[in-house]
N, C-alpha and C. Protein backbone atom coordinates (compact mmCIF):
# COMPACT_ATOMS: atom_id res chain seq x y z
N MET A 1 117.35 65.51 88.82
CA MET A 1 118.00 65.74 90.10
C MET A 1 117.92 67.20 90.54
N LYS A 2 117.69 68.08 89.59
CA LYS A 2 117.63 69.50 89.94
C LYS A 2 116.45 69.78 90.86
N SER A 3 115.32 69.12 90.64
CA SER A 3 114.15 69.38 91.46
C SER A 3 114.37 68.92 92.91
N VAL A 4 115.10 67.82 93.11
CA VAL A 4 115.39 67.34 94.47
C VAL A 4 116.30 68.34 95.18
N ALA A 5 117.32 68.83 94.50
CA ALA A 5 118.22 69.81 95.11
C ALA A 5 117.48 71.11 95.40
N ALA A 6 116.59 71.51 94.50
CA ALA A 6 115.82 72.73 94.73
C ALA A 6 114.89 72.58 95.93
N THR A 7 114.27 71.42 96.06
CA THR A 7 113.38 71.18 97.19
C THR A 7 114.16 71.20 98.50
N GLU A 8 115.36 70.62 98.52
CA GLU A 8 116.18 70.66 99.72
C GLU A 8 116.56 72.09 100.09
N LYS A 9 116.80 72.92 99.08
CA LYS A 9 117.12 74.32 99.35
C LYS A 9 115.92 75.02 99.97
N TYR A 10 114.71 74.73 99.47
CA TYR A 10 113.52 75.35 100.02
C TYR A 10 113.33 74.98 101.49
N PHE A 11 113.57 73.72 101.84
CA PHE A 11 113.46 73.32 103.24
C PHE A 11 114.59 73.90 104.07
N GLY A 12 115.72 74.25 103.45
CA GLY A 12 116.82 74.90 104.16
C GLY A 12 116.54 76.36 104.45
N VAL A 13 115.69 76.98 103.64
CA VAL A 13 115.35 78.39 103.83
C VAL A 13 114.47 78.55 105.06
N LEU A 14 113.41 77.76 105.14
CA LEU A 14 112.47 77.85 106.26
C LEU A 14 112.94 76.92 107.37
N GLN A 15 113.30 77.48 108.51
CA GLN A 15 113.78 76.67 109.62
C GLN A 15 112.65 76.25 110.54
N GLY A 16 111.50 76.86 110.41
CA GLY A 16 110.35 76.47 111.21
C GLY A 16 109.45 77.64 111.51
N PRO A 17 108.22 77.36 111.94
CA PRO A 17 107.31 78.44 112.29
C PRO A 17 107.67 79.04 113.65
N VAL A 18 107.33 80.30 113.83
CA VAL A 18 107.51 80.96 115.11
C VAL A 18 106.14 80.97 115.80
N VAL A 19 106.08 80.37 116.98
CA VAL A 19 104.82 80.28 117.71
C VAL A 19 104.90 81.19 118.93
N THR A 20 104.29 82.35 118.80
CA THR A 20 104.21 83.31 119.89
C THR A 20 102.79 83.87 119.91
N GLU A 21 102.51 84.69 120.89
CA GLU A 21 101.19 85.31 120.96
C GLU A 21 100.96 86.23 119.76
N LYS A 22 101.99 86.96 119.38
CA LYS A 22 101.87 87.86 118.23
C LYS A 22 101.67 87.07 116.93
N SER A 23 102.38 85.96 116.76
CA SER A 23 102.22 85.17 115.54
C SER A 23 100.82 84.57 115.45
N ASN A 24 100.24 84.23 116.60
CA ASN A 24 98.87 83.72 116.59
C ASN A 24 97.88 84.79 116.17
N PHE A 25 98.07 86.03 116.64
CA PHE A 25 97.22 87.13 116.20
C PHE A 25 97.36 87.37 114.70
N LEU A 26 98.61 87.28 114.19
CA LEU A 26 98.84 87.46 112.76
C LEU A 26 98.14 86.37 111.95
N ALA A 27 98.20 85.13 112.42
CA ALA A 27 97.60 84.02 111.70
C ALA A 27 96.08 84.12 111.67
N GLU A 28 95.50 84.72 112.71
CA GLU A 28 94.05 84.87 112.75
C GLU A 28 93.58 86.10 111.99
N GLY A 29 94.51 86.95 111.56
CA GLY A 29 94.15 88.14 110.79
C GLY A 29 93.60 89.27 111.62
N GLU A 30 94.01 89.37 112.89
CA GLU A 30 93.47 90.41 113.76
C GLU A 30 94.18 91.75 113.61
N PHE A 31 95.29 91.80 112.87
CA PHE A 31 95.95 93.07 112.61
C PHE A 31 95.50 93.59 111.25
N LYS A 32 95.79 94.84 110.94
CA LYS A 32 95.35 95.46 109.70
C LYS A 32 95.94 94.82 108.45
N SER A 33 97.12 94.22 108.58
CA SER A 33 97.81 93.69 107.41
C SER A 33 97.14 92.46 106.82
N GLY A 34 96.23 91.83 107.54
CA GLY A 34 95.57 90.63 107.04
C GLY A 34 96.21 89.39 107.61
N ARG A 35 95.96 88.26 106.98
CA ARG A 35 96.42 86.96 107.47
C ARG A 35 97.90 86.78 107.13
N SER A 36 98.74 86.62 108.16
CA SER A 36 100.18 86.45 107.97
C SER A 36 100.68 85.27 108.80
N VAL A 37 101.82 84.74 108.38
CA VAL A 37 102.47 83.65 109.10
C VAL A 37 103.92 84.05 109.34
N MET A 38 104.45 83.71 110.52
CA MET A 38 105.81 84.08 110.86
C MET A 38 106.69 82.82 110.85
N PHE A 39 107.85 82.92 110.16
CA PHE A 39 108.80 81.82 110.08
C PHE A 39 110.16 82.26 110.58
N LYS A 40 110.91 81.33 111.15
CA LYS A 40 112.33 81.54 111.40
C LYS A 40 113.03 81.08 110.13
N VAL A 41 113.90 81.93 109.57
CA VAL A 41 114.53 81.62 108.29
C VAL A 41 116.04 81.63 108.42
N ALA A 42 116.70 81.08 107.41
CA ALA A 42 118.16 81.02 107.38
C ALA A 42 118.75 82.43 107.27
N PRO A 43 119.95 82.65 107.80
CA PRO A 43 120.56 83.98 107.76
C PRO A 43 120.84 84.47 106.35
N TRP A 44 121.03 83.57 105.40
CA TRP A 44 121.35 83.96 104.02
C TRP A 44 120.12 84.11 103.15
N ALA A 45 118.94 83.81 103.67
CA ALA A 45 117.71 83.81 102.86
C ALA A 45 117.27 85.23 102.51
N THR A 46 116.86 85.40 101.25
CA THR A 46 116.32 86.68 100.79
C THR A 46 114.80 86.59 100.75
N LYS A 47 114.15 87.72 100.45
CA LYS A 47 112.70 87.73 100.35
C LYS A 47 112.22 86.80 99.24
N LYS A 48 112.91 86.81 98.12
CA LYS A 48 112.53 85.94 97.01
C LYS A 48 112.67 84.47 97.38
N ASP A 49 113.74 84.12 98.11
CA ASP A 49 113.93 82.74 98.55
C ASP A 49 112.79 82.29 99.46
N VAL A 50 112.42 83.15 100.41
CA VAL A 50 111.34 82.82 101.34
C VAL A 50 110.02 82.67 100.60
N CYS A 51 109.74 83.59 99.69
CA CYS A 51 108.50 83.54 98.92
C CYS A 51 108.41 82.25 98.10
N ARG A 52 109.46 81.92 97.40
CA ARG A 52 109.47 80.70 96.58
C ARG A 52 109.34 79.46 97.45
N ALA A 53 109.98 79.44 98.61
CA ALA A 53 109.91 78.28 99.49
C ALA A 53 108.49 78.08 100.02
N VAL A 54 107.84 79.15 100.43
CA VAL A 54 106.48 79.04 100.96
C VAL A 54 105.52 78.58 99.86
N ILE A 55 105.67 79.12 98.67
CA ILE A 55 104.81 78.72 97.55
C ILE A 55 105.03 77.26 97.20
N LYS A 56 106.28 76.82 97.15
CA LYS A 56 106.61 75.45 96.76
C LYS A 56 106.18 74.43 97.82
N ILE A 57 106.44 74.72 99.09
CA ILE A 57 106.17 73.75 100.15
C ILE A 57 104.68 73.69 100.52
N PHE A 58 104.07 74.87 100.72
CA PHE A 58 102.70 74.91 101.23
C PHE A 58 101.63 75.12 100.15
N GLU A 59 102.04 75.45 98.93
CA GLU A 59 101.12 75.65 97.81
C GLU A 59 100.04 76.69 98.13
N VAL A 60 100.47 77.88 98.55
CA VAL A 60 99.58 78.99 98.84
C VAL A 60 100.02 80.22 98.05
N ASP A 61 99.15 81.21 97.97
CA ASP A 61 99.49 82.48 97.32
C ASP A 61 100.14 83.40 98.35
N VAL A 62 101.25 84.00 97.97
CA VAL A 62 101.97 84.92 98.85
C VAL A 62 101.84 86.33 98.30
N ILE A 63 101.36 87.25 99.13
CA ILE A 63 101.22 88.64 98.70
C ILE A 63 102.54 89.38 98.88
N ASP A 64 103.12 89.31 100.08
CA ASP A 64 104.41 89.95 100.29
C ASP A 64 105.15 89.28 101.45
N VAL A 65 106.45 89.59 101.53
CA VAL A 65 107.33 89.03 102.56
C VAL A 65 108.10 90.18 103.19
N ARG A 66 108.13 90.19 104.51
CA ARG A 66 108.95 91.16 105.24
C ARG A 66 109.92 90.39 106.11
N ILE A 67 111.17 90.82 106.13
CA ILE A 67 112.21 90.11 106.88
C ILE A 67 112.71 90.99 108.02
N LEU A 68 112.90 90.37 109.16
CA LEU A 68 113.34 91.07 110.36
C LEU A 68 114.59 90.39 110.90
N ASN A 69 115.66 91.16 111.08
CA ASN A 69 116.88 90.66 111.71
C ASN A 69 116.83 91.01 113.19
N ARG A 70 116.84 90.00 114.04
CA ARG A 70 116.81 90.23 115.47
C ARG A 70 118.22 90.13 116.02
N ARG A 71 118.66 91.16 116.69
CA ARG A 71 119.99 91.20 117.26
C ARG A 71 120.04 90.36 118.52
N GLY A 72 121.17 89.70 118.76
CA GLY A 72 121.33 88.90 119.97
C GLY A 72 121.40 89.78 121.21
N LYS A 73 120.87 89.28 122.30
CA LYS A 73 120.86 90.05 123.54
C LYS A 73 122.19 89.92 124.27
N LYS A 74 122.53 90.97 125.01
CA LYS A 74 123.76 90.95 125.79
C LYS A 74 123.53 90.19 127.08
N GLY A 75 124.39 89.24 127.35
CA GLY A 75 124.28 88.43 128.58
C GLY A 75 125.03 89.08 129.72
N ARG A 76 125.28 88.33 130.75
CA ARG A 76 125.97 88.89 131.91
C ARG A 76 127.47 89.00 131.63
N ALA A 77 128.13 89.83 132.42
CA ALA A 77 129.56 90.07 132.23
C ALA A 77 130.36 88.81 132.54
N VAL A 78 131.28 88.46 131.63
CA VAL A 78 132.12 87.28 131.81
C VAL A 78 133.33 87.65 132.66
N SER A 79 134.10 88.63 132.19
CA SER A 79 135.23 89.10 132.97
C SER A 79 135.71 90.43 132.40
N ARG A 80 136.23 91.27 133.26
CA ARG A 80 136.83 92.56 132.88
C ARG A 80 135.96 93.39 131.94
N GLY A 81 134.69 93.42 132.23
CA GLY A 81 133.80 94.27 131.44
C GLY A 81 133.39 93.68 130.10
N LYS A 82 133.80 92.46 129.81
CA LYS A 82 133.39 91.83 128.56
C LYS A 82 132.09 91.06 128.78
N HIS A 83 131.22 91.12 127.79
CA HIS A 83 129.92 90.48 127.89
C HIS A 83 129.79 89.34 126.89
N ALA A 84 129.01 88.37 127.24
CA ALA A 84 128.67 87.28 126.32
C ALA A 84 127.38 87.66 125.61
N TYR A 85 127.24 87.30 124.35
CA TYR A 85 126.05 87.62 123.58
C TYR A 85 125.33 86.35 123.16
N HIS A 86 124.02 86.40 123.20
CA HIS A 86 123.20 85.32 122.68
C HIS A 86 123.08 85.48 121.17
N CYS A 87 122.82 84.39 120.47
CA CYS A 87 122.69 84.43 119.01
C CYS A 87 121.47 85.25 118.60
N GLY A 88 121.62 85.98 117.53
CA GLY A 88 120.50 86.67 116.93
C GLY A 88 119.74 85.70 116.03
N SER A 89 118.64 86.15 115.48
CA SER A 89 117.87 85.31 114.58
C SER A 89 117.28 86.16 113.47
N ARG A 90 116.73 85.50 112.48
CA ARG A 90 116.14 86.17 111.33
C ARG A 90 114.75 85.60 111.15
N ARG A 91 113.76 86.48 111.09
CA ARG A 91 112.37 86.06 110.94
C ARG A 91 111.78 86.65 109.67
N ALA A 92 110.79 85.95 109.16
CA ALA A 92 110.09 86.43 107.97
C ALA A 92 108.60 86.45 108.25
N TYR A 93 107.97 87.59 107.95
CA TYR A 93 106.52 87.71 108.02
C TYR A 93 105.99 87.53 106.61
N VAL A 94 105.21 86.48 106.38
CA VAL A 94 104.69 86.16 105.06
C VAL A 94 103.19 86.43 105.06
N ARG A 95 102.75 87.38 104.21
CA ARG A 95 101.33 87.68 104.12
C ARG A 95 100.71 86.81 103.03
N LEU A 96 99.66 86.09 103.39
CA LEU A 96 99.02 85.15 102.49
C LEU A 96 97.86 85.80 101.75
N GLY A 97 97.49 85.19 100.62
CA GLY A 97 96.38 85.67 99.83
C GLY A 97 95.05 85.48 100.54
N GLU A 98 94.02 86.08 99.99
CA GLU A 98 92.68 86.02 100.57
C GLU A 98 92.19 84.57 100.63
N GLY A 99 91.76 84.13 101.81
CA GLY A 99 91.24 82.78 101.98
C GLY A 99 92.30 81.70 102.08
N GLN A 100 93.58 82.05 102.09
CA GLN A 100 94.66 81.07 102.17
C GLN A 100 94.99 80.80 103.64
N ASP A 101 95.43 79.58 103.92
CA ASP A 101 95.81 79.21 105.28
C ASP A 101 96.87 78.12 105.20
N ILE A 102 97.73 78.06 106.22
CA ILE A 102 98.76 77.02 106.29
C ILE A 102 98.48 76.16 107.50
N ASN A 103 98.39 74.85 107.29
CA ASN A 103 98.21 73.89 108.36
C ASN A 103 99.53 73.17 108.56
N PHE A 104 100.27 73.52 109.62
CA PHE A 104 101.60 72.96 109.83
C PHE A 104 101.55 71.48 110.19
N VAL A 105 100.49 71.04 110.84
CA VAL A 105 100.41 69.63 111.25
C VAL A 105 100.34 68.72 110.03
N SER A 106 99.58 69.10 109.02
CA SER A 106 99.44 68.24 107.85
C SER A 106 100.73 68.20 107.02
N HIS A 107 101.55 69.27 107.06
CA HIS A 107 102.76 69.31 106.27
C HIS A 107 103.95 68.66 106.96
N PHE A 108 104.04 68.81 108.28
CA PHE A 108 105.21 68.31 108.99
C PHE A 108 104.90 67.12 109.87
N GLY A 109 103.70 66.63 109.81
CA GLY A 109 103.32 65.44 110.58
C GLY A 109 103.07 65.76 112.03
N GLY A 110 102.15 65.09 112.56
CA GLY A 110 101.80 65.27 113.97
C GLY A 110 100.92 64.13 114.41
N ASN A 111 100.59 64.11 115.65
CA ASN A 111 99.75 63.02 116.17
C ASN A 111 98.32 63.19 115.80
């Protein structure tokens, strides 16, 4: 039963891929850092948690992990000078080994 609980934890760490123009450039290896993939991760996840989850789920070699905390943006004023804030998020940049690639469609299903 430990392996099932561990697998559930790994899927809890990675909340999904981030699909932006920058993440596409990272995946193609057009920056100096090499081939990287960007994930949205849980707020409690550490670098070791992210690394282990990517290795376990996608079966690839991970060179390093960088984590970025994005602060929530300030919205419009609600009343008396008080502002509403949007939720922040936490992202992880995972650099993959030479010749490694992640195909999200084959892992999470698609048409």
